[in-house]
């Protein structure tokens, strides 16, 4: 039986797409995390280029995750990945 196109279904699909994009962004920014980047947590007076693959936003989000959770941020990413991959 084919499922009808209902607004609730589209809402679930959009949430899944947004969570997937958030997962990809945070994973790439945590993989390419450099503690010497100029972020909210660590300020460098000289202007250096950001080495994070996701740019300044990725550097800030990765620095915040590592500041709050430390290396447990990888566990957070694994949990977020499990939520994204969960069939609905």
N, C-alpha and C. Protein backbone atom coordinates (compact mmCIF):
# COMPACT_ATOMS: atom_id res chain seq x y z
N UNK A 1 0.84 -1.18 0.00
CA UNK A 1 0.00 0.00 0.00
C UNK A 1 0.88 1.24 0.00
N UNK A 2 0.56 2.21 -0.83
CA UNK A 2 1.34 3.43 -0.96
C UNK A 2 0.86 4.44 0.08
N UNK A 3 1.83 5.06 0.76
CA UNK A 3 1.51 6.05 1.77
C UNK A 3 1.05 7.35 1.11
N UNK A 4 0.02 7.97 1.68
CA UNK A 4 -0.46 9.24 1.13
C UNK A 4 0.51 10.35 1.50
N UNK A 5 0.58 11.36 0.63
CA UNK A 5 1.44 12.51 0.90
C UNK A 5 0.71 13.44 1.86
N UNK A 6 1.06 13.34 3.11
CA UNK A 6 0.43 14.16 4.13
C UNK A 6 1.43 15.19 4.64
N UNK A 7 0.92 16.31 5.19
CA UNK A 7 1.84 17.32 5.73
C UNK A 7 2.73 16.78 6.84
N UNK A 8 2.24 15.84 7.63
CA UNK A 8 3.06 15.26 8.69
C UNK A 8 4.25 14.49 8.15
N UNK A 9 4.07 13.84 7.01
CA UNK A 9 5.17 13.10 6.40
C UNK A 9 6.26 14.05 5.92
N UNK A 10 5.85 15.15 5.32
CA UNK A 10 6.83 16.12 4.84
C UNK A 10 7.58 16.75 6.01
N UNK A 11 6.88 16.96 7.09
CA UNK A 11 7.53 17.53 8.27
C UNK A 11 8.61 16.59 8.79
N UNK A 12 8.32 15.28 8.84
CA UNK A 12 9.31 14.31 9.28
C UNK A 12 10.50 14.25 8.32
N UNK A 13 10.23 14.35 7.04
CA UNK A 13 11.32 14.33 6.06
C UNK A 13 12.22 15.56 6.20
N UNK A 14 11.62 16.72 6.42
CA UNK A 14 12.41 17.95 6.58
C UNK A 14 13.25 17.89 7.85
N UNK A 15 12.69 17.36 8.92
CA UNK A 15 13.45 17.22 10.16
C UNK A 15 14.63 16.27 9.94
N UNK A 16 14.39 15.19 9.21
CA UNK A 16 15.47 14.25 8.91
C UNK A 16 16.57 14.87 8.07
N UNK A 17 16.19 15.66 7.07
CA UNK A 17 17.19 16.33 6.23
C UNK A 17 17.99 17.34 7.05
N UNK A 18 17.33 18.11 7.91
CA UNK A 18 18.04 19.10 8.73
C UNK A 18 18.95 18.42 9.74
N UNK A 19 18.50 17.33 10.36
CA UNK A 19 19.37 16.61 11.29
C UNK A 19 20.56 15.98 10.56
N UNK A 20 20.33 15.50 9.33
CA UNK A 20 21.43 14.95 8.55
C UNK A 20 22.47 16.01 8.21
N UNK A 21 22.01 17.20 7.82
CA UNK A 21 22.93 18.29 7.51
C UNK A 21 23.69 18.73 8.76
N UNK A 22 23.00 18.78 9.90
CA UNK A 22 23.66 19.14 11.16
C UNK A 22 24.70 18.10 11.54
N UNK A 23 24.38 16.83 11.33
CA UNK A 23 25.32 15.76 11.62
C UNK A 23 26.57 15.86 10.75
N UNK A 24 26.39 16.09 9.47
CA UNK A 24 27.53 16.20 8.56
C UNK A 24 28.39 17.41 8.91
N UNK A 25 27.76 18.55 9.19
CA UNK A 25 28.50 19.77 9.53
C UNK A 25 29.30 19.59 10.81
N UNK A 26 28.66 19.06 11.85
CA UNK A 26 29.39 18.93 13.12
C UNK A 26 30.46 17.85 13.05
N UNK A 27 30.22 16.79 12.29
CA UNK A 27 31.25 15.76 12.16
C UNK A 27 32.48 16.29 11.44
N UNK A 28 32.26 16.99 10.33
CA UNK A 28 33.40 17.56 9.61
C UNK A 28 34.13 18.61 10.43
N UNK A 29 33.39 19.42 11.19
CA UNK A 29 34.07 20.44 11.98
C UNK A 29 34.81 19.83 13.17
N UNK A 30 34.32 18.73 13.74
CA UNK A 30 35.05 18.10 14.84
C UNK A 30 36.27 17.33 14.34
N UNK A 31 36.17 16.74 13.15
CA UNK A 31 37.32 16.03 12.59
C UNK A 31 38.45 17.00 12.29
N UNK A 32 38.10 18.17 11.76
CA UNK A 32 39.13 19.14 11.39
C UNK A 32 39.37 20.19 12.47
N UNK A 33 39.02 19.89 13.70
CA UNK A 33 39.19 20.83 14.82
C UNK A 33 40.66 21.14 15.05
N UNK A 34 40.96 22.42 15.16
CA UNK A 34 42.31 22.87 15.49
C UNK A 34 42.19 23.79 16.69
N UNK A 35 42.81 23.45 17.82
CA UNK A 35 42.66 24.29 19.01
C UNK A 35 43.29 25.68 18.87
N UNK A 36 44.11 25.89 17.84
CA UNK A 36 44.74 27.19 17.65
C UNK A 36 43.92 28.13 16.77
N UNK A 37 42.74 27.69 16.30
CA UNK A 37 41.87 28.58 15.52
C UNK A 37 41.32 29.68 16.42
N UNK A 38 41.04 30.80 15.82
CA UNK A 38 40.48 31.94 16.55
C UNK A 38 38.97 31.70 16.73
N UNK A 39 38.57 31.32 17.96
CA UNK A 39 37.18 30.99 18.23
C UNK A 39 36.69 31.72 19.47
N UNK A 40 35.47 31.39 19.87
CA UNK A 40 34.90 31.97 21.08
C UNK A 40 35.71 31.57 22.30
N UNK A 41 36.17 30.34 22.32
CA UNK A 41 36.88 29.80 23.48
C UNK A 41 38.35 30.20 23.49
N UNK A 42 38.95 30.33 22.32
CA UNK A 42 40.38 30.62 22.22
C UNK A 42 40.57 31.81 21.28
N UNK A 43 41.12 32.91 21.83
CA UNK A 43 41.33 34.10 21.01
C UNK A 43 42.81 34.27 20.71
N UNK A 44 43.12 34.52 19.45
CA UNK A 44 44.49 34.78 19.02
C UNK A 44 44.53 36.21 18.50
N UNK A 45 45.49 37.00 18.98
CA UNK A 45 45.53 38.41 18.60
C UNK A 45 45.94 38.63 17.15
N UNK A 46 46.79 37.78 16.62
CA UNK A 46 47.16 37.95 15.21
C UNK A 46 46.12 37.26 14.33
N UNK A 47 45.89 37.81 13.17
CA UNK A 47 44.88 37.27 12.27
C UNK A 47 45.46 36.09 11.49
N UNK A 48 45.02 34.92 11.86
CA UNK A 48 45.43 33.72 11.15
C UNK A 48 44.23 33.17 10.40
N UNK A 49 44.51 32.42 9.37
CA UNK A 49 43.40 31.83 8.61
C UNK A 49 42.83 30.65 9.38
N UNK A 50 41.56 30.46 9.23
CA UNK A 50 40.86 29.37 9.90
C UNK A 50 41.17 28.07 9.15
N UNK A 51 41.61 27.06 9.87
CA UNK A 51 41.98 25.80 9.24
C UNK A 51 40.85 24.77 9.26
N UNK A 52 39.74 25.11 9.87
CA UNK A 52 38.62 24.16 9.94
C UNK A 52 37.99 24.03 8.57
N UNK A 53 37.59 22.80 8.23
CA UNK A 53 37.00 22.53 6.91
C UNK A 53 35.66 23.22 6.72
N UNK A 54 34.95 23.50 7.79
CA UNK A 54 33.63 24.15 7.70
C UNK A 54 33.72 25.64 7.97
N UNK A 55 34.90 26.19 7.94
CA UNK A 55 35.08 27.63 8.10
C UNK A 55 34.95 28.09 9.54
N UNK A 56 34.61 29.36 9.68
CA UNK A 56 34.52 29.96 11.00
C UNK A 56 33.39 29.35 11.82
N UNK A 57 32.26 29.09 11.18
CA UNK A 57 31.14 28.47 11.89
C UNK A 57 31.53 27.09 12.42
N UNK A 58 32.23 26.31 11.62
CA UNK A 58 32.69 25.00 12.06
C UNK A 58 33.70 25.09 13.18
N UNK A 59 34.59 26.08 13.11
CA UNK A 59 35.58 26.25 14.17
C UNK A 59 34.91 26.61 15.49
N UNK A 60 33.93 27.50 15.44
CA UNK A 60 33.21 27.89 16.66
C UNK A 60 32.41 26.73 17.24
N UNK A 61 31.70 26.00 16.38
CA UNK A 61 30.88 24.90 16.89
C UNK A 61 31.74 23.77 17.44
N UNK A 62 32.85 23.45 16.77
CA UNK A 62 33.73 22.40 17.28
C UNK A 62 34.40 22.83 18.59
N UNK A 63 34.82 24.08 18.67
CA UNK A 63 35.45 24.56 19.90
C UNK A 63 34.46 24.53 21.06
N UNK A 64 33.22 24.90 20.79
CA UNK A 64 32.20 24.88 21.83
C UNK A 64 31.90 23.44 22.27
N UNK A 65 31.81 22.52 21.31
CA UNK A 65 31.58 21.12 21.66
C UNK A 65 32.73 20.55 22.49
N UNK A 66 33.96 20.82 22.07
CA UNK A 66 35.10 20.29 22.81
C UNK A 66 35.26 20.98 24.16
N UNK A 67 34.85 22.24 24.26
CA UNK A 67 34.93 22.94 25.55
C UNK A 67 33.91 22.37 26.52
N UNK A 68 32.69 22.11 26.04
CA UNK A 68 31.64 21.61 26.93
C UNK A 68 31.75 20.12 27.21
N UNK A 69 32.07 19.32 26.19
CA UNK A 69 32.03 17.86 26.33
C UNK A 69 33.39 17.19 26.29
N UNK A 70 34.40 17.87 25.78
CA UNK A 70 35.71 17.24 25.62
C UNK A 70 35.65 16.18 24.53
N UNK A 71 36.36 15.10 24.72
CA UNK A 71 36.36 14.05 23.71
C UNK A 71 35.04 13.27 23.70
N UNK A 72 34.19 13.51 24.67
CA UNK A 72 32.85 12.90 24.65
C UNK A 72 31.99 13.50 23.55
N UNK A 73 32.48 14.55 22.90
CA UNK A 73 31.73 15.11 21.77
C UNK A 73 31.64 14.11 20.63
N UNK A 74 32.60 13.19 20.55
CA UNK A 74 32.51 12.13 19.54
C UNK A 74 31.38 11.15 19.87
N UNK A 75 31.13 10.93 21.17
CA UNK A 75 29.99 10.12 21.58
C UNK A 75 28.69 10.83 21.23
N UNK A 76 28.67 12.16 21.42
CA UNK A 76 27.51 12.95 21.02
C UNK A 76 27.26 12.82 19.52
N UNK A 77 28.31 12.86 18.73
CA UNK A 77 28.17 12.71 17.28
C UNK A 77 27.66 11.32 16.91
N UNK A 78 28.12 10.30 17.62
CA UNK A 78 27.64 8.95 17.36
C UNK A 78 26.15 8.84 17.69
N UNK A 79 25.74 9.47 18.79
CA UNK A 79 24.31 9.44 19.15
C UNK A 79 23.48 10.22 18.14
N UNK A 80 23.99 11.34 17.68
CA UNK A 80 23.28 12.11 16.66
C UNK A 80 23.19 11.33 15.35
N UNK A 81 24.25 10.61 15.01
CA UNK A 81 24.22 9.77 13.82
C UNK A 81 23.22 8.64 13.94
N UNK A 82 23.08 8.10 15.14
CA UNK A 82 22.10 7.03 15.34
C UNK A 82 20.67 7.57 15.20
N UNK A 83 20.44 8.78 15.66
CA UNK A 83 19.12 9.40 15.52
C UNK A 83 18.81 9.68 14.06
N UNK A 84 19.81 10.13 13.32
CA UNK A 84 19.60 10.44 11.91
C UNK A 84 19.33 9.18 11.11
N UNK A 85 20.02 8.10 11.41
CA UNK A 85 19.88 6.86 10.64
C UNK A 85 18.68 6.02 11.05
N UNK A 86 18.05 6.36 12.17
CA UNK A 86 16.93 5.56 12.67
C UNK A 86 15.76 5.62 11.69
N UNK A 87 15.26 4.48 11.28
CA UNK A 87 14.10 4.51 10.37
C UNK A 87 12.84 4.95 11.11
N UNK A 88 12.03 5.68 10.41
CA UNK A 88 10.82 6.20 11.03
C UNK A 88 9.63 5.53 10.45
